Amino acid sequence: MSTLDVPLTLLDPEGGWINAPVHVHDLHGRPVLLHFWNERDVGSRARLPQFKALIEEFQPRGLQVISVHVPLPGEALERAMDTNRLELLTKRLGFHHPVATDDGSMALAYGVDGSPSYLVYDARLVMRLRVTGEESVEAVLRPLLEQLTRAESLSQDAHAP
């Protein structure tokens, strides 16, 4: 399997969800941004303002955003997957999109080895991008989201009565 062949169907976790669970069959026809993060990770915290700006800009244009909270190496799983604690945190951060709690298996399955990481799927749910790190948002992620949400809005306009 190539680095861009990971199917979005791996998203259905057994663990907890915050702000409602995601069912993959509901995502068809919309571009999807998966955001892997941990609130204790310095890079994740530093990039939260840019991530929130992306949400505000692209969600109204059809982008489905899903965050996945992953444990840091050595972090107790009970803490990393505590949905009550994470629900308070996501409310404080202003996250209204679905957030999955991960024991590390989702990050492993998606080939995520750092935080923050962003995976982008097009409207056919084909992975188009996997990036990790701090420089990825403006240089790589934003241009692709522009392209995918422009295509999404054009296809919606074409189907309007």
Protein backbone atom coordinates (compact mmCIF):
# COMPACT_ATOMS: atom_id res chain seq x y z
CA MET A 1 0.00 0.00 0.00
CA SER A 2 1.42 3.41 -0.88
CA THR A 3 1.47 6.26 1.61
CA LEU A 4 -1.68 7.65 0.00
CA ASP A 5 -3.69 4.42 -0.09
CA VAL A 6 -4.91 4.37 3.53
CA PRO A 7 -8.71 4.14 3.38
CA LEU A 8 -10.80 6.48 5.46
CA THR A 9 -12.84 3.48 6.65
CA LEU A 10 -10.18 2.89 9.29
CA LEU A 11 -11.63 5.92 11.05
CA ASP A 12 -14.43 4.06 12.84
CA PRO A 13 -12.85 3.71 16.31
CA GLU A 14 -14.14 1.62 19.17
CA GLY A 15 -13.19 4.41 21.58
CA GLY A 16 -14.95 7.57 22.51
CA TRP A 17 -16.12 10.48 20.41
CA ILE A 18 -16.61 14.09 21.38
CA ASN A 19 -19.12 16.29 19.52
CA ALA A 20 -20.79 13.26 17.89
CA PRO A 21 -19.32 10.19 16.20
CA VAL A 22 -18.43 10.09 12.54
CA HIS A 23 -19.82 7.48 10.20
CA VAL A 24 -17.63 7.16 7.13
CA HIS A 25 -20.60 6.58 4.82
CA ASP A 26 -21.78 10.12 5.69
CA LEU A 27 -18.52 11.63 4.39
CA HIS A 28 -18.81 10.69 0.71
CA GLY A 29 -18.99 13.70 -1.54
CA ARG A 30 -17.12 16.02 0.81
CA PRO A 31 -13.41 16.67 1.25
CA VAL A 32 -12.17 15.57 4.68
CA LEU A 33 -9.37 16.88 6.88
CA LEU A 34 -8.12 14.52 9.58
CA HIS A 35 -6.16 16.34 12.27
CA PHE A 36 -4.02 14.19 14.59
CA TRP A 37 -2.98 16.09 17.72
CA ASN A 38 -2.28 16.03 21.44
CA GLU A 39 -2.86 19.05 23.68
CA ARG A 40 0.40 18.43 25.57
CA ASP A 41 2.49 18.39 22.38
CA VAL A 42 4.30 21.69 21.84
CA GLY A 43 3.87 21.57 18.04
CA SER A 44 0.16 20.79 18.29
CA ARG A 45 -0.42 23.67 20.70
CA ALA A 46 1.60 26.08 18.58
CA ARG A 47 -0.42 25.22 15.45
CA LEU A 48 -3.89 25.38 17.02
CA PRO A 49 -4.50 29.00 15.93
CA GLN A 50 -3.65 28.12 12.31
CA PHE A 51 -5.77 24.96 12.49
CA LYS A 52 -8.74 26.91 13.88
CA ALA A 53 -8.34 29.49 11.10
CA LEU A 54 -8.48 26.66 8.53
CA ILE A 55 -11.68 25.36 10.10
CA GLU A 56 -13.31 28.79 10.05
CA GLU A 57 -12.34 29.33 6.43
CA PHE A 58 -12.97 25.93 4.86
CA GLN A 59 -15.74 24.25 6.87
CA PRO A 60 -18.40 26.63 5.50
CA ARG A 61 -17.13 25.70 2.03
CA GLY A 62 -17.88 21.99 2.55
CA LEU A 63 -14.80 20.66 4.34
CA GLN A 64 -15.51 17.96 6.92
CA VAL A 65 -13.04 18.28 9.80
CA ILE A 66 -12.27 15.45 12.21
CA SER A 67 -9.66 15.64 14.94
CA VAL A 68 -8.02 12.57 16.47
CA HIS A 69 -6.46 12.99 19.89
CA VAL A 70 -3.45 10.65 20.09
CA PRO A 71 -1.38 9.77 23.13
CA LEU A 72 2.18 11.00 23.35
CA PRO A 73 4.92 8.40 23.82
CA GLY A 74 4.92 7.43 27.48
CA GLU A 75 1.61 9.17 28.22
CA ALA A 76 -0.88 7.16 30.26
CA LEU A 77 -3.68 5.90 28.00
CA GLU A 78 -6.27 6.62 30.70
CA ARG A 79 -5.37 10.30 30.52
CA ALA A 80 -5.04 10.48 26.72
CA MET A 81 -8.41 8.78 26.20
CA ASP A 82 -10.35 10.44 29.04
CA THR A 83 -13.36 11.71 27.07
CA ASN A 84 -14.66 13.78 29.99
CA ARG A 85 -11.38 15.70 30.24
CA LEU A 86 -11.10 16.01 26.45
CA GLU A 87 -14.67 17.22 26.13
CA LEU A 88 -13.91 20.10 28.50
CA LEU A 89 -10.70 20.83 26.61
CA THR A 90 -12.34 20.82 23.17
CA LYS A 91 -15.09 23.14 24.42
CA ARG A 92 -12.46 25.51 25.79
CA LEU A 93 -10.64 25.39 22.44
CA GLY A 94 -13.88 26.05 20.56
CA PHE A 95 -13.87 22.75 18.66
CA HIS A 96 -17.36 21.98 17.37
CA HIS A 97 -16.28 19.28 14.93
CA PRO A 98 -16.02 15.57 15.82
CA VAL A 99 -13.01 14.54 17.91
CA ALA A 100 -12.01 10.88 18.27
CA THR A 101 -9.92 9.54 21.11
CA ASP A 102 -7.16 7.20 20.01
CA ASP A 103 -5.13 4.63 21.92
CA GLY A 104 -2.44 4.96 19.27
CA SER A 105 -3.82 2.32 16.92
CA MET A 106 -5.49 4.82 14.56
CA ALA A 107 -2.32 6.89 14.30
CA LEU A 108 -0.37 3.70 13.56
CA ALA A 109 -2.90 2.55 10.95
CA TYR A 110 -2.79 5.94 9.20
CA GLY A 111 1.01 6.07 9.31
CA VAL A 112 1.02 9.13 11.57
CA ASP A 113 4.30 9.44 13.42
CA GLY A 114 4.22 13.01 14.66
CA SER A 115 1.98 15.74 15.88
CA PRO A 116 0.30 17.70 14.53
CA SER A 117 -0.38 15.65 11.43
CA TYR A 118 -2.92 16.37 8.73
CA LEU A 119 -4.44 13.91 6.28
CA VAL A 120 -6.60 15.24 3.47
CA TYR A 121 -9.11 13.18 1.52
CA ASP A 122 -10.92 14.40 -1.57
CA ALA A 123 -14.69 14.11 -2.12
CA ARG A 124 -14.23 10.52 -3.38
CA LEU A 125 -12.44 9.77 -0.06
CA VAL A 126 -9.09 9.22 -1.77
CA MET A 127 -6.18 10.40 0.34
CA ARG A 128 -4.49 13.33 -1.35
CA LEU A 129 -2.04 14.46 1.31
CA ARG A 130 -0.33 13.41 4.53
CA VAL A 131 1.85 16.02 6.24
CA THR A 132 3.33 16.35 9.68
CA GLY A 133 4.83 19.30 11.38
CA GLU A 134 4.79 22.98 11.74
CA GLU A 135 5.55 24.30 8.27
CA SER A 136 2.87 22.27 6.52
CA VAL A 137 -0.19 24.40 7.13
CA GLU A 138 0.44 27.45 4.98
CA ALA A 139 2.84 25.96 2.45
CA VAL A 140 1.06 22.72 1.61
CA LEU A 141 -2.25 22.24 3.38
CA ARG A 142 -3.99 25.54 2.61
CA PRO A 143 -3.43 25.37 -1.20
CA LEU A 144 -4.86 21.84 -1.36
CA LEU A 145 -7.89 22.77 0.76
CA GLU A 146 -8.45 25.76 -1.53
CA GLN A 147 -8.46 23.45 -4.53
CA LEU A 148 -10.68 20.76 -2.99
CA THR A 149 -13.26 23.13 -1.53
CA ARG A 150 -13.39 25.13 -4.75
CA ALA A 151 -14.15 21.88 -6.60
CA GLU A 152 -16.73 21.01 -3.93
CA SER A 153 -18.52 24.35 -4.25
CA LEU A 154 -18.47 24.12 -8.04
CA SER A 155 -20.02 20.65 -7.95
CA GLN A 156 -22.70 21.86 -5.51
CA ASP A 157 -23.50 24.77 -7.82
CA ALA A 158 -23.80 22.40 -10.76
CA HIS A 159 -26.41 20.33 -8.91
CA ALA A 160 -28.46 23.26 -7.68
CA PRO A 161 -31.96 23.49 -9.17
